Amino acid sequence: MDYRIKSRIWIESEHGVFLGEGRVRLLKAISDTGSLSKAAGSLDMSYKKAWNLLDSMNKTAKEPLVITSTGGKGGGGARLTTYGESVIKTFDTINQKCWEFLDNELKQISL
């Protein structure tokens, strides 16, 4: 039988959760769609929840992860900052290294 260890990682600050898998999915969806509203819809998330998550991340980060522009005749939009893109890459790398470490540790145990 093949066993795997499952884990979820998140990054916290003194203000609570800063970044986790769901928040990273939201950031990636914003990058893909160019819109907070479309990103929320693609994740079956309410706009209000998406806005609250984004607001929380932007307030906790050392610099904004996403820049938004308000709607109007031309429509609004949202785009990741360079810092936001680097945060996603760093989080994904940490996650991958964690899973690899846990898989290697599990191999040391005979179940």
C-alpha atoms as a PDB file:
ATOM      1  CA  MET A   1       0.000   0.000   0.000  1.00  0.00           C
ATOM      2  CA  ASP A   2       1.234   3.484  -0.845  1.00  0.00           C
ATOM      3  CA  TYR A   3       0.949   6.155   1.873  1.00  0.00           C
ATOM      4  CA  ARG A   4       1.199   9.923   1.535  1.00  0.00           C
ATOM      5  CA  ILE A   5       1.288  12.613   4.156  1.00  0.00           C
ATOM      6  CA  LYS A   6      -1.105  15.486   3.535  1.00  0.00           C
ATOM      7  CA  SER A   7      -0.518  18.935   4.941  1.00  0.00           C
ATOM      8  CA  ARG A   8      -1.672  22.486   4.494  1.00  0.00           C
ATOM      9  CA  ILE A   9       0.576  25.422   5.072  1.00  0.00           C
ATOM     10  CA  TRP A  10      -0.330  28.980   5.823  1.00  0.00           C
ATOM     11  CA  ILE A  11       1.627  32.032   6.832  1.00  0.00           C
ATOM     12  CA  GLU A  12       0.449  34.077   9.804  1.00  0.00           C
ATOM     13  CA  SER A  13       1.274  37.451  11.231  1.00  0.00           C
ATOM     14  CA  GLU A  14       0.288  38.905  14.580  1.00  0.00           C
ATOM     15  CA  HIS A  15      -2.944  39.967  12.838  1.00  0.00           C
ATOM     16  CA  GLY A  16      -3.923  36.428  11.795  1.00  0.00           C
ATOM     17  CA  VAL A  17      -3.610  34.483   8.541  1.00  0.00           C
ATOM     18  CA  PHE A  18      -1.708  36.330   5.848  1.00  0.00           C
ATOM     19  CA  LEU A  19      -1.445  33.692   3.143  1.00  0.00           C
ATOM     20  CA  GLY A  20      -2.713  30.172   2.575  1.00  0.00           C
ATOM     21  CA  GLU A  21      -3.798  27.905  -0.237  1.00  0.00           C
ATOM     22  CA  GLY A  22      -7.189  29.570  -0.734  1.00  0.00           C
ATOM     23  CA  ARG A  23      -5.727  33.062  -0.727  1.00  0.00           C
ATOM     24  CA  VAL A  24      -3.087  32.041  -3.245  1.00  0.00           C
ATOM     25  CA  ARG A  25      -5.806  30.551  -5.483  1.00  0.00           C
ATOM     26  CA  LEU A  26      -7.587  33.920  -5.320  1.00  0.00           C
ATOM     27  CA  LEU A  27      -4.402  35.790  -6.273  1.00  0.00           C
ATOM     28  CA  LYS A  28      -3.808  33.416  -9.197  1.00  0.00           C
ATOM     29  CA  ALA A  29      -7.410  33.851 -10.348  1.00  0.00           C
ATOM     30  CA  ILE A  30      -7.014  37.643 -10.223  1.00  0.00           C
ATOM     31  CA  SER A  31      -3.873  37.301 -12.328  1.00  0.00           C
ATOM     32  CA  ASP A  32      -5.716  35.090 -14.836  1.00  0.00           C
ATOM     33  CA  THR A  33      -8.884  37.192 -15.105  1.00  0.00           C
ATOM     34  CA  GLY A  34      -7.686  40.747 -14.437  1.00  0.00           C
ATOM     35  CA  SER A  35     -10.717  41.240 -12.206  1.00  0.00           C
ATOM     36  CA  LEU A  36     -11.550  40.610  -8.561  1.00  0.00           C
ATOM     37  CA  SER A  37     -15.188  39.990  -9.469  1.00  0.00           C
ATOM     38  CA  LYS A  38     -14.323  37.462 -12.190  1.00  0.00           C
ATOM     39  CA  ALA A  39     -11.734  35.816  -9.950  1.00  0.00           C
ATOM     40  CA  ALA A  40     -14.302  35.407  -7.171  1.00  0.00           C
ATOM     41  CA  GLY A  41     -16.823  33.967  -9.620  1.00  0.00           C
ATOM     42  CA  SER A  42     -14.315  31.471 -10.995  1.00  0.00           C
ATOM     43  CA  LEU A  43     -13.722  30.211  -7.462  1.00  0.00           C
ATOM     44  CA  ASP A  44     -17.434  30.124  -6.517  1.00  0.00           C
ATOM     45  CA  MET A  45     -16.699  32.787  -3.911  1.00  0.00           C
ATOM     46  CA  SER A  46     -18.766  35.838  -3.155  1.00  0.00           C
ATOM     47  CA  TYR A  47     -17.304  39.172  -4.196  1.00  0.00           C
ATOM     48  CA  LYS A  48     -17.526  40.343  -0.576  1.00  0.00           C
ATOM     49  CA  LYS A  49     -15.477  37.394   0.687  1.00  0.00           C
ATOM     50  CA  ALA A  50     -12.904  37.868  -2.081  1.00  0.00           C
ATOM     51  CA  TRP A  51     -12.663  41.586  -1.316  1.00  0.00           C
ATOM     52  CA  ASN A  52     -12.237  40.902   2.411  1.00  0.00           C
ATOM     53  CA  LEU A  53      -9.487  38.352   1.758  1.00  0.00           C
ATOM     54  CA  LEU A  54      -7.692  40.668  -0.636  1.00  0.00           C
ATOM     55  CA  ASP A  55      -8.016  43.635   1.708  1.00  0.00           C
ATOM     56  CA  SER A  56      -6.635  41.550   4.583  1.00  0.00           C
ATOM     57  CA  MET A  57      -3.649  40.387   2.509  1.00  0.00           C
ATOM     58  CA  ASN A  58      -2.874  43.886   1.212  1.00  0.00           C
ATOM     59  CA  LYS A  59      -3.038  45.349   4.733  1.00  0.00           C
ATOM     60  CA  THR A  60      -0.795  42.629   6.183  1.00  0.00           C
ATOM     61  CA  ALA A  61       1.808  42.546   3.396  1.00  0.00           C
ATOM     62  CA  LYS A  62       4.806  44.834   3.456  1.00  0.00           C
ATOM     63  CA  GLU A  63       3.554  46.219   0.136  1.00  0.00           C
ATOM     64  CA  PRO A  64       0.359  45.684  -1.894  1.00  0.00           C
ATOM     65  CA  LEU A  65      -0.081  42.333  -3.635  1.00  0.00           C
ATOM     66  CA  VAL A  66      -2.843  43.561  -5.942  1.00  0.00           C
ATOM     67  CA  ILE A  67      -3.698  46.954  -7.373  1.00  0.00           C
ATOM     68  CA  THR A  68      -7.372  47.548  -8.137  1.00  0.00           C
ATOM     69  CA  SER A  69      -9.065  50.204 -10.209  1.00  0.00           C
ATOM     70  CA  THR A  70     -12.695  51.105  -9.721  1.00  0.00           C
ATOM     71  CA  GLY A  71     -15.290  50.337 -12.336  1.00  0.00           C
ATOM     72  CA  GLY A  72     -17.091  52.815 -14.483  1.00  0.00           C
ATOM     73  CA  LYS A  73     -17.702  53.235 -18.170  1.00  0.00           C
ATOM     74  CA  GLY A  74     -14.525  51.326 -19.089  1.00  0.00           C
ATOM     75  CA  GLY A  75     -14.877  48.870 -16.221  1.00  0.00           C
ATOM     76  CA  GLY A  76     -12.527  48.318 -13.338  1.00  0.00           C
ATOM     77  CA  GLY A  77      -9.805  45.805 -12.950  1.00  0.00           C
ATOM     78  CA  ALA A  78      -7.249  44.204 -10.702  1.00  0.00           C
ATOM     79  CA  ARG A  79      -3.679  43.177 -11.333  1.00  0.00           C
ATOM     80  CA  LEU A  80      -0.947  41.577  -9.301  1.00  0.00           C
ATOM     81  CA  THR A  81       2.032  43.669  -8.395  1.00  0.00           C
ATOM     82  CA  THR A  82       5.551  42.339  -8.899  1.00  0.00           C
ATOM     83  CA  TYR A  83       5.596  41.735  -5.158  1.00  0.00           C
ATOM     84  CA  GLY A  84       2.319  39.803  -5.386  1.00  0.00           C
ATOM     85  CA  GLU A  85       3.750  37.576  -8.103  1.00  0.00           C
ATOM     86  CA  SER A  86       6.860  36.891  -6.007  1.00  0.00           C
ATOM     87  CA  VAL A  87       4.749  36.047  -2.942  1.00  0.00           C
ATOM     88  CA  ILE A  88       2.829  33.432  -4.975  1.00  0.00           C
ATOM     89  CA  LYS A  89       6.058  31.880  -6.295  1.00  0.00           C
ATOM     90  CA  THR A  90       7.572  31.783  -2.816  1.00  0.00           C
ATOM     91  CA  PHE A  91       4.458  30.211  -1.301  1.00  0.00           C
ATOM     92  CA  ASP A  92       4.284  27.573  -4.050  1.00  0.00           C
ATOM     93  CA  THR A  93       7.986  26.749  -3.578  1.00  0.00           C
ATOM     94  CA  ILE A  94       7.581  26.400   0.191  1.00  0.00           C
ATOM     95  CA  ASN A  95       4.561  24.139  -0.311  1.00  0.00           C
ATOM     96  CA  GLN A  96       6.375  21.920  -2.824  1.00  0.00           C
ATOM     97  CA  LYS A  97       9.470  21.608  -0.620  1.00  0.00           C
ATOM     98  CA  CYS A  98       7.297  20.768   2.381  1.00  0.00           C
ATOM     99  CA  TRP A  99       5.482  17.981   0.502  1.00  0.00           C
ATOM    100  CA  GLU A 100       8.781  16.568  -0.770  1.00  0.00           C
ATOM    101  CA  PHE A 101      10.235  16.626   2.744  1.00  0.00           C
ATOM    102  CA  LEU A 102       7.192  14.911   4.227  1.00  0.00           C
ATOM    103  CA  ASP A 103       7.160  12.255   1.486  1.00  0.00           C
ATOM    104  CA  ASN A 104      10.850  11.542   2.126  1.00  0.00           C
ATOM    105  CA  GLU A 105      10.269  11.315   5.877  1.00  0.00           C
ATOM    106  CA  LEU A 106       7.393   8.905   5.351  1.00  0.00           C
ATOM    107  CA  LYS A 107       9.673   6.605   3.341  1.00  0.00           C
ATOM    108  CA  GLN A 108      11.780   6.232   6.501  1.00  0.00           C
ATOM    109  CA  ILE A 109       8.824   4.688   8.329  1.00  0.00           C
ATOM    110  CA  SER A 110       7.690   1.214   7.395  1.00  0.00           C
ATOM    111  CA  LEU A 111       3.911   1.094   7.653  1.00  0.00           C
END
